[in-house]
Amino acid sequence: MNLAVPRNNASELILYIWKIIDLPNISKKDFLYKISFELFLMTPEKATLFINKCIKSKFLIEDDQRNIFLTSSLEQKLKSWHKTRKDEILSNIQAIRKNTSVKESLMEKEKITYGVLLKDFSDKGTLNRAISVSDDAFDVSVFDFKAGIIKAKVIGTQKGVYDIDIDINNKVVYHNCHDFVTKRAENKKFCKHLTKLFLLLKERNEGSVTGFLKELAINIDEWNFTDQDN
C-alpha cells in the first residue's frame, strides 16, 4: 500500500481509509471515530464534514440504519486493488520459493551445470532473443573469476553502446539497457544482453562463467541489479 495519504482527493482518501478498515460496511459513528481517533487524519468536526461531503458527492452511501457503504464504482476500484495486491504477494512468494529452491539445490549438489544456472536467470523468450544478438556486438574487456569481475560493452539496437559490469566482491550487476532497467533488474533477472554475454563467455571458460553464475544464485538476495553506475 502507498503510505502517502491522498488528502487532496476525496474519493482516493475514502479508498485509502477503506483499505485500512477492510470492512464491507461500517456505522457512520464508528467511521468518524476511526478517521479521527485511530487514523488521526482529521478532527471529529472535519471528519463529520468530510463524511457528509462524500455522501453528497456519491462516494459513499448511507442507509436507513446510518451504516456507510462504498458506492459501486469505488467498490470496483477496491476489488481491483485487492486483486493487484494478491497477485503481487503471490508473485513475491513464488520468487522467494524459487530462490530458496535454487539455493537448496546448490547446497545439496557439489556441482551444478551451467545450463541450469543460466535458465534460472533467463526465461525461454529471453534466451531466444539472446541468440539473435550478434557476437560481434560485444567487447569484453575483463573476464576474471579470481578477481570476481566481468566488464563488457555491447552495441544496442535502440541506442549506441550499453555497459555491463559484474562485481562479485561488491555483489553488483550493472547494466543500462531499457529492458534491464524497466523490467529485469527489479526481479534480478537477465536481459538478452546479459544472457548472450554468459553464452559467449561459456565458450572461453565454462568453469569460470559457471562460477560467476553460482555466486549469483547462492547469494542472490545480497546482489544489487542496477543501472546506477557507482
C-alpha atoms as a PDB file:
ATOM      1  CA  MET A   1       0.000   0.000   0.000  1.00  0.00           C
ATOM      2  CA  ASN A   2       1.177   3.518  -0.792  1.00  0.00           C
ATOM      3  CA  LEU A   3       1.672   5.116   2.634  1.00  0.00           C
ATOM      4  CA  ALA A   4       1.186   8.671   1.359  1.00  0.00           C
ATOM      5  CA  VAL A   5      -2.233   9.965   2.440  1.00  0.00           C
ATOM      6  CA  PRO A   6      -4.154  11.406  -0.584  1.00  0.00           C
ATOM      7  CA  ARG A   7      -5.600  14.322   1.354  1.00  0.00           C
ATOM      8  CA  ASN A   8      -6.429  16.418  -1.712  1.00  0.00           C
ATOM      9  CA  ASN A   9      -8.642  13.830  -3.389  1.00  0.00           C
ATOM     10  CA  ALA A  10     -11.796  12.813  -1.525  1.00  0.00           C
ATOM     11  CA  SER A  11     -12.509   9.582  -3.434  1.00  0.00           C
ATOM     12  CA  GLU A  12      -8.885   8.429  -3.149  1.00  0.00           C
ATOM     13  CA  LEU A  13      -8.877   9.288   0.557  1.00  0.00           C
ATOM     14  CA  ILE A  14     -12.032   7.193   1.056  1.00  0.00           C
ATOM     15  CA  LEU A  15     -10.341   4.264  -0.712  1.00  0.00           C
ATOM     16  CA  TYR A  16      -7.208   4.766   1.383  1.00  0.00           C
ATOM     17  CA  ILE A  17      -9.270   4.580   4.589  1.00  0.00           C
ATOM     18  CA  TRP A  18     -11.298   1.596   3.356  1.00  0.00           C
ATOM     19  CA  LYS A  19      -8.143  -0.372   2.520  1.00  0.00           C
ATOM     20  CA  ILE A  20      -7.197   0.001   6.175  1.00  0.00           C
ATOM     21  CA  ILE A  21     -10.534  -0.759   7.813  1.00  0.00           C
ATOM     22  CA  ASP A  22     -11.263  -3.581   5.314  1.00  0.00           C
ATOM     23  CA  LEU A  23     -14.976  -3.926   6.105  1.00  0.00           C
ATOM     24  CA  PRO A  24     -17.998  -4.289   3.797  1.00  0.00           C
ATOM     25  CA  ASN A  25     -19.729  -1.511   5.738  1.00  0.00           C
ATOM     26  CA  ILE A  26     -19.382   0.470   8.950  1.00  0.00           C
ATOM     27  CA  SER A  27     -21.622   2.651  11.068  1.00  0.00           C
ATOM     28  CA  LYS A  28     -21.281   6.364  10.484  1.00  0.00           C
ATOM     29  CA  LYS A  29     -20.333   6.876  14.122  1.00  0.00           C
ATOM     30  CA  ASP A  30     -17.593   4.210  14.023  1.00  0.00           C
ATOM     31  CA  PHE A  31     -16.323   5.551  10.704  1.00  0.00           C
ATOM     32  CA  LEU A  32     -15.927   9.014  12.195  1.00  0.00           C
ATOM     33  CA  TYR A  33     -14.166   7.546  15.234  1.00  0.00           C
ATOM     34  CA  LYS A  34     -11.673   5.627  13.085  1.00  0.00           C
ATOM     35  CA  ILE A  35     -10.875   8.658  10.935  1.00  0.00           C
ATOM     36  CA  SER A  36     -10.305  10.931  13.912  1.00  0.00           C
ATOM     37  CA  PHE A  37      -9.057   8.777  16.792  1.00  0.00           C
ATOM     38  CA  GLU A  38      -7.453   5.720  15.200  1.00  0.00           C
ATOM     39  CA  LEU A  39      -6.030   7.085  11.960  1.00  0.00           C
ATOM     40  CA  PHE A  40      -5.711  10.688  13.195  1.00  0.00           C
ATOM     41  CA  LEU A  41      -6.468  12.036   9.726  1.00  0.00           C
ATOM     42  CA  MET A  42      -8.616  14.985  10.824  1.00  0.00           C
ATOM     43  CA  THR A  43     -10.553  16.383  13.755  1.00  0.00           C
ATOM     44  CA  PRO A  44     -14.046  14.993  14.505  1.00  0.00           C
ATOM     45  CA  GLU A  45     -15.603  18.204  13.189  1.00  0.00           C
ATOM     46  CA  LYS A  46     -13.709  17.997   9.918  1.00  0.00           C
ATOM     47  CA  ALA A  47     -14.332  14.261   9.713  1.00  0.00           C
ATOM     48  CA  THR A  48     -18.088  14.859  10.006  1.00  0.00           C
ATOM     49  CA  LEU A  49     -17.969  17.422   7.206  1.00  0.00           C
ATOM     50  CA  PHE A  50     -15.797  15.108   5.111  1.00  0.00           C
ATOM     51  CA  ILE A  51     -18.147  12.133   5.510  1.00  0.00           C
ATOM     52  CA  ASN A  52     -21.230  14.197   4.667  1.00  0.00           C
ATOM     53  CA  LYS A  53     -19.476  15.693   1.653  1.00  0.00           C
ATOM     54  CA  CYS A  54     -18.534  12.203   0.410  1.00  0.00           C
ATOM     55  CA  ILE A  55     -22.153  11.039   0.783  1.00  0.00           C
ATOM     56  CA  LYS A  56     -23.366  14.086  -1.127  1.00  0.00           C
ATOM     57  CA  SER A  57     -20.724  13.522  -3.829  1.00  0.00           C
ATOM     58  CA  LYS A  58     -21.836   9.875  -4.096  1.00  0.00           C
ATOM     59  CA  PHE A  59     -18.519   8.409  -2.987  1.00  0.00           C
ATOM     60  CA  LEU A  60     -20.314   6.869  -0.009  1.00  0.00           C
ATOM     61  CA  ILE A  61     -23.828   5.542   0.570  1.00  0.00           C
ATOM     62  CA  GLU A  62     -25.652   5.878   3.902  1.00  0.00           C
ATOM     63  CA  ASP A  63     -28.556   3.502   4.616  1.00  0.00           C
ATOM     64  CA  ASP A  64     -31.502   3.920   6.966  1.00  0.00           C
ATOM     65  CA  GLN A  65     -29.523   2.450   9.890  1.00  0.00           C
ATOM     66  CA  ARG A  66     -26.763   5.034   9.305  1.00  0.00           C
ATOM     67  CA  ASN A  67     -24.344   2.445   8.006  1.00  0.00           C
ATOM     68  CA  ILE A  68     -21.770   3.571   5.451  1.00  0.00           C
ATOM     69  CA  PHE A  69     -21.011   1.703   2.199  1.00  0.00           C
ATOM     70  CA  LEU A  70     -18.741   2.392  -0.748  1.00  0.00           C
ATOM     71  CA  THR A  71     -20.503   3.243  -3.988  1.00  0.00           C
ATOM     72  CA  SER A  72     -20.278   0.598  -6.705  1.00  0.00           C
ATOM     73  CA  SER A  73     -17.563   2.463  -8.648  1.00  0.00           C
ATOM     74  CA  LEU A  74     -15.294   2.740  -5.595  1.00  0.00           C
ATOM     75  CA  GLU A  75     -16.131  -0.835  -4.629  1.00  0.00           C
ATOM     76  CA  GLN A  76     -14.844  -1.960  -8.040  1.00  0.00           C
ATOM     77  CA  LYS A  77     -11.668   0.059  -7.569  1.00  0.00           C
ATOM     78  CA  LEU A  78     -11.164  -1.548  -4.160  1.00  0.00           C
ATOM     79  CA  LYS A  79     -11.665  -5.043  -5.601  1.00  0.00           C
ATOM     80  CA  SER A  80      -9.175  -4.255  -8.377  1.00  0.00           C
ATOM     81  CA  TRP A  81      -6.657  -3.056  -5.775  1.00  0.00           C
ATOM     82  CA  HIS A  82      -7.143  -6.238  -3.709  1.00  0.00           C
ATOM     83  CA  LYS A  83      -6.578  -8.377  -6.817  1.00  0.00           C
ATOM     84  CA  THR A  84      -3.409  -6.484  -7.716  1.00  0.00           C
ATOM     85  CA  ARG A  85      -2.093  -6.819  -4.155  1.00  0.00           C
ATOM     86  CA  LYS A  86      -2.926 -10.539  -4.125  1.00  0.00           C
ATOM     87  CA  ASP A  87      -1.097 -11.061  -7.427  1.00  0.00           C
ATOM     88  CA  GLU A  88       1.929  -9.125  -6.139  1.00  0.00           C
ATOM     89  CA  ILE A  89       2.038 -11.150  -2.931  1.00  0.00           C
ATOM     90  CA  LEU A  90       1.716 -14.471  -4.796  1.00  0.00           C
ATOM     91  CA  SER A  91       4.427 -13.388  -7.232  1.00  0.00           C
ATOM     92  CA  ASN A  92       6.756 -12.469  -4.357  1.00  0.00           C
ATOM     93  CA  ILE A  93       6.055 -15.783  -2.603  1.00  0.00           C
ATOM     94  CA  GLN A  94       6.802 -17.708  -5.794  1.00  0.00           C
ATOM     95  CA  ALA A  95      10.025 -15.770  -6.319  1.00  0.00           C
ATOM     96  CA  ILE A  96      11.128 -16.460  -2.738  1.00  0.00           C
ATOM     97  CA  ARG A  97      10.313 -20.152  -3.096  1.00  0.00           C
ATOM     98  CA  LYS A  98      12.195 -20.347  -6.385  1.00  0.00           C
ATOM     99  CA  ASN A  99      15.276 -18.632  -4.950  1.00  0.00           C
ATOM    100  CA  THR A 100      15.124 -20.892  -1.892  1.00  0.00           C
ATOM    101  CA  SER A 101      14.830 -23.953  -4.115  1.00  0.00           C
ATOM    102  CA  VAL A 102      17.874 -22.931  -6.151  1.00  0.00           C
ATOM    103  CA  LYS A 103      19.904 -22.300  -3.006  1.00  0.00           C
ATOM    104  CA  GLU A 104      18.921 -25.669  -1.553  1.00  0.00           C
ATOM    105  CA  SER A 105      19.846 -27.405  -4.798  1.00  0.00           C
ATOM    106  CA  LEU A 106      23.223 -25.696  -4.817  1.00  0.00           C
ATOM    107  CA  MET A 107      23.903 -26.709  -1.251  1.00  0.00           C
ATOM    108  CA  GLU A 108      22.887 -30.300  -1.890  1.00  0.00           C
ATOM    109  CA  LYS A 109      24.961 -30.705  -5.048  1.00  0.00           C
ATOM    110  CA  GLU A 110      28.647 -30.043  -5.201  1.00  0.00           C
ATOM    111  CA  LYS A 111      28.399 -29.470  -8.921  1.00  0.00           C
ATOM    112  CA  ILE A 112      25.528 -27.829 -10.759  1.00  0.00           C
ATOM    113  CA  THR A 113      25.559 -27.288 -14.505  1.00  0.00           C
ATOM    114  CA  TYR A 114      25.989 -24.020 -16.353  1.00  0.00           C
ATOM    115  CA  GLY A 115      22.708 -24.621 -18.196  1.00  0.00           C
ATOM    116  CA  VAL A 116      20.624 -24.984 -15.049  1.00  0.00           C
ATOM    117  CA  LEU A 117      22.074 -21.800 -13.591  1.00  0.00           C
ATOM    118  CA  LEU A 118      21.609 -19.717 -16.743  1.00  0.00           C
ATOM    119  CA  LYS A 119      17.975 -20.809 -17.101  1.00  0.00           C
ATOM    120  CA  ASP A 120      17.326 -19.611 -13.547  1.00  0.00           C
ATOM    121  CA  PHE A 121      18.136 -16.061 -14.668  1.00  0.00           C
ATOM    122  CA  SER A 122      16.695 -16.172 -18.207  1.00  0.00           C
ATOM    123  CA  ASP A 123      13.297 -17.309 -19.434  1.00  0.00           C
ATOM    124  CA  LYS A 124      12.766 -19.036 -22.771  1.00  0.00           C
ATOM    125  CA  GLY A 125      11.862 -15.818 -24.568  1.00  0.00           C
ATOM    126  CA  THR A 126      14.976 -14.039 -23.334  1.00  0.00           C
ATOM    127  CA  LEU A 127      17.171 -16.974 -24.366  1.00  0.00           C
ATOM    128  CA  ASN A 128      15.652 -16.897 -27.862  1.00  0.00           C
ATOM    129  CA  ARG A 129      16.256 -13.138 -28.162  1.00  0.00           C
ATOM    130  CA  ALA A 130      19.802 -13.506 -26.859  1.00  0.00           C
ATOM    131  CA  ILE A 131      20.667 -15.861 -29.708  1.00  0.00           C
ATOM    132  CA  SER A 132      19.718 -13.145 -32.208  1.00  0.00           C
ATOM    133  CA  VAL A 133      22.291 -10.715 -30.760  1.00  0.00           C
ATOM    134  CA  SER A 134      25.483 -10.737 -32.816  1.00  0.00           C
ATOM    135  CA  ASP A 135      28.682 -11.999 -31.196  1.00  0.00           C
ATOM    136  CA  ASP A 136      30.437  -9.017 -32.773  1.00  0.00           C
ATOM    137  CA  ALA A 137      28.248  -6.613 -30.794  1.00  0.00           C
ATOM    138  CA  PHE A 138      30.248  -7.441 -27.639  1.00  0.00           C
ATOM    139  CA  ASP A 139      33.579  -6.109 -26.467  1.00  0.00           C
ATOM    140  CA  VAL A 140      34.648  -7.952 -23.292  1.00  0.00           C
ATOM    141  CA  SER A 141      37.469  -6.039 -21.610  1.00  0.00           C
ATOM    142  CA  VAL A 142      37.662  -8.046 -18.345  1.00  0.00           C
ATOM    143  CA  PHE A 143      36.677 -11.641 -17.551  1.00  0.00           C
ATOM    144  CA  ASP A 144      38.452 -12.668 -14.366  1.00  0.00           C
ATOM    145  CA  PHE A 145      36.800 -15.088 -11.946  1.00  0.00           C
ATOM    146  CA  LYS A 146      39.626 -14.865  -9.395  1.00  0.00           C
ATOM    147  CA  ALA A 147      39.180 -11.092  -9.204  1.00  0.00           C
ATOM    148  CA  GLY A 148      35.401 -11.567  -9.463  1.00  0.00           C
ATOM    149  CA  ILE A 149      34.958  -9.077 -12.289  1.00  0.00           C
ATOM    150  CA  ILE A 150      33.354  -9.017 -15.728  1.00  0.00           C
ATOM    151  CA  LYS A 151      33.385  -5.823 -17.787  1.00  0.00           C
ATOM    152  CA  ALA A 152      31.944  -5.519 -21.265  1.00  0.00           C
ATOM    153  CA  LYS A 153      30.282  -3.207 -23.752  1.00  0.00           C
ATOM    154  CA  VAL A 154      27.542  -4.163 -26.181  1.00  0.00           C
ATOM    155  CA  ILE A 155      26.171  -2.322 -29.190  1.00  0.00           C
ATOM    156  CA  GLY A 156      22.409  -1.956 -28.719  1.00  0.00           C
ATOM    157  CA  THR A 157      19.651  -1.898 -31.304  1.00  0.00           C
ATOM    158  CA  GLN A 158      17.988   1.268 -29.980  1.00  0.00           C
ATOM    159  CA  LYS A 159      20.916   3.400 -28.878  1.00  0.00           C
ATOM    160  CA  GLY A 160      24.689   3.419 -29.092  1.00  0.00           C
ATOM    161  CA  VAL A 161      26.597   1.315 -26.591  1.00  0.00           C
ATOM    162  CA  TYR A 162      25.488  -0.256 -23.296  1.00  0.00           C
ATOM    163  CA  ASP A 163      27.798  -1.133 -20.406  1.00  0.00           C
ATOM    164  CA  ILE A 164      27.908  -4.338 -18.377  1.00  0.00           C
ATOM    165  CA  ASP A 165      29.829  -4.506 -15.111  1.00  0.00           C
ATOM    166  CA  ILE A 166      29.578  -7.529 -12.790  1.00  0.00           C
ATOM    167  CA  ASP A 167      31.448  -7.466  -9.489  1.00  0.00           C
ATOM    168  CA  ILE A 168      31.354 -10.479  -7.164  1.00  0.00           C
ATOM    169  CA  ASN A 169      33.084  -8.696  -4.278  1.00  0.00           C
ATOM    170  CA  ASN A 170      30.590  -5.829  -4.222  1.00  0.00           C
ATOM    171  CA  LYS A 171      27.730  -8.062  -5.398  1.00  0.00           C
ATOM    172  CA  VAL A 172      26.633  -5.738  -8.190  1.00  0.00           C
ATOM    173  CA  VAL A 173      25.281  -6.431 -11.667  1.00  0.00           C
ATOM    174  CA  TYR A 174      25.335  -3.119 -13.523  1.00  0.00           C
ATOM    175  CA  HIS A 175      23.726  -2.729 -16.948  1.00  0.00           C
ATOM    176  CA  ASN A 176      21.834   0.099 -18.617  1.00  0.00           C
ATOM    177  CA  CYS A 177      19.705  -1.212 -21.467  1.00  0.00           C
ATOM    178  CA  HIS A 178      15.990  -0.302 -21.381  1.00  0.00           C
ATOM    179  CA  ASP A 179      14.696  -3.859 -20.860  1.00  0.00           C
ATOM    180  CA  PHE A 180      17.048  -4.491 -17.942  1.00  0.00           C
ATOM    181  CA  VAL A 181      16.298  -1.153 -16.282  1.00  0.00           C
ATOM    182  CA  THR A 182      12.492  -1.262 -16.630  1.00  0.00           C
ATOM    183  CA  LYS A 183      11.717  -4.987 -16.314  1.00  0.00           C
ATOM    184  CA  ARG A 184      14.564  -7.281 -15.354  1.00  0.00           C
ATOM    185  CA  ALA A 185      16.612  -5.565 -12.647  1.00  0.00           C
ATOM    186  CA  GLU A 186      13.789  -5.385 -10.098  1.00  0.00           C
ATOM    187  CA  ASN A 187      13.312  -9.174 -10.287  1.00  0.00           C
ATOM    188  CA  LYS A 188      17.051  -9.881 -10.555  1.00  0.00           C
ATOM    189  CA  LYS A 189      16.796 -11.457 -13.998  1.00  0.00           C
ATOM    190  CA  PHE A 190      18.917 -11.202 -17.150  1.00  0.00           C
ATOM    191  CA  CYS A 191      18.001  -9.286 -20.294  1.00  0.00           C
ATOM    192  CA  LYS A 192      19.079 -10.575 -23.710  1.00  0.00           C
ATOM    193  CA  HIS A 193      22.454  -8.789 -23.475  1.00  0.00           C
ATOM    194  CA  LEU A 194      23.441 -10.355 -20.148  1.00  0.00           C
ATOM    195  CA  THR A 195      22.194 -13.743 -21.303  1.00  0.00           C
ATOM    196  CA  LYS A 196      24.179 -13.520 -24.549  1.00  0.00           C
ATOM    197  CA  LEU A 197      27.270 -12.385 -22.641  1.00  0.00           C
ATOM    198  CA  PHE A 198      27.176 -15.522 -20.485  1.00  0.00           C
ATOM    199  CA  LEU A 199      26.646 -17.654 -23.584  1.00  0.00           C
ATOM    200  CA  LEU A 200      29.741 -16.103 -25.157  1.00  0.00           C
ATOM    201  CA  LEU A 201      31.853 -16.422 -22.008  1.00  0.00           C
ATOM    202  CA  LYS A 202      30.978 -20.113 -21.771  1.00  0.00           C
ATOM    203  CA  GLU A 203      32.989 -20.637 -24.955  1.00  0.00           C
ATOM    204  CA  ARG A 204      36.018 -19.017 -23.303  1.00  0.00           C
ATOM    205  CA  ASN A 205      35.906 -20.755 -19.938  1.00  0.00           C
ATOM    206  CA  GLU A 206      32.841 -22.715 -18.864  1.00  0.00           C
ATOM    207  CA  GLY A 207      34.212 -23.320 -15.373  1.00  0.00           C
ATOM    208  CA  SER A 208      34.732 -19.628 -14.640  1.00  0.00           C
ATOM    209  CA  VAL A 209      31.409 -18.495 -16.065  1.00  0.00           C
ATOM    210  CA  THR A 210      29.632 -21.233 -14.101  1.00  0.00           C
ATOM    211  CA  GLY A 211      31.408 -19.896 -11.017  1.00  0.00           C
ATOM    212  CA  PHE A 212      30.027 -16.416 -11.631  1.00  0.00           C
ATOM    213  CA  LEU A 213      26.505 -17.763 -12.064  1.00  0.00           C
ATOM    214  CA  LYS A 214      26.808 -19.923  -8.958  1.00  0.00           C
ATOM    215  CA  GLU A 215      27.927 -16.949  -6.875  1.00  0.00           C
ATOM    216  CA  LEU A 216      24.899 -15.032  -8.138  1.00  0.00           C
ATOM    217  CA  ALA A 217      22.434 -17.841  -7.445  1.00  0.00           C
ATOM    218  CA  ILE A 218      23.645 -18.764  -3.962  1.00  0.00           C
ATOM    219  CA  ASN A 219      23.642 -15.201  -2.630  1.00  0.00           C
ATOM    220  CA  ILE A 220      21.004 -13.637  -4.899  1.00  0.00           C
ATOM    221  CA  ASP A 221      19.317 -11.738  -2.043  1.00  0.00           C
ATOM    222  CA  GLU A 222      22.558  -9.873  -1.395  1.00  0.00           C
ATOM    223  CA  TRP A 223      23.114  -8.840  -5.026  1.00  0.00           C
ATOM    224  CA  ASN A 224      22.104  -5.469  -6.437  1.00  0.00           C
ATOM    225  CA  PHE A 225      20.927  -5.438 -10.069  1.00  0.00           C
ATOM    226  CA  THR A 226      21.131  -1.775 -11.058  1.00  0.00           C
ATOM    227  CA  ASP A 227      21.623   0.863 -13.757  1.00  0.00           C
ATOM    228  CA  GLN A 228      23.278   3.211 -11.270  1.00  0.00           C
ATOM    229  CA  ASP A 229      26.973   3.369 -12.016  1.00  0.00           C
ATOM    230  CA  ASN A 230      29.000   3.534  -8.831  1.00  0.00           C
END
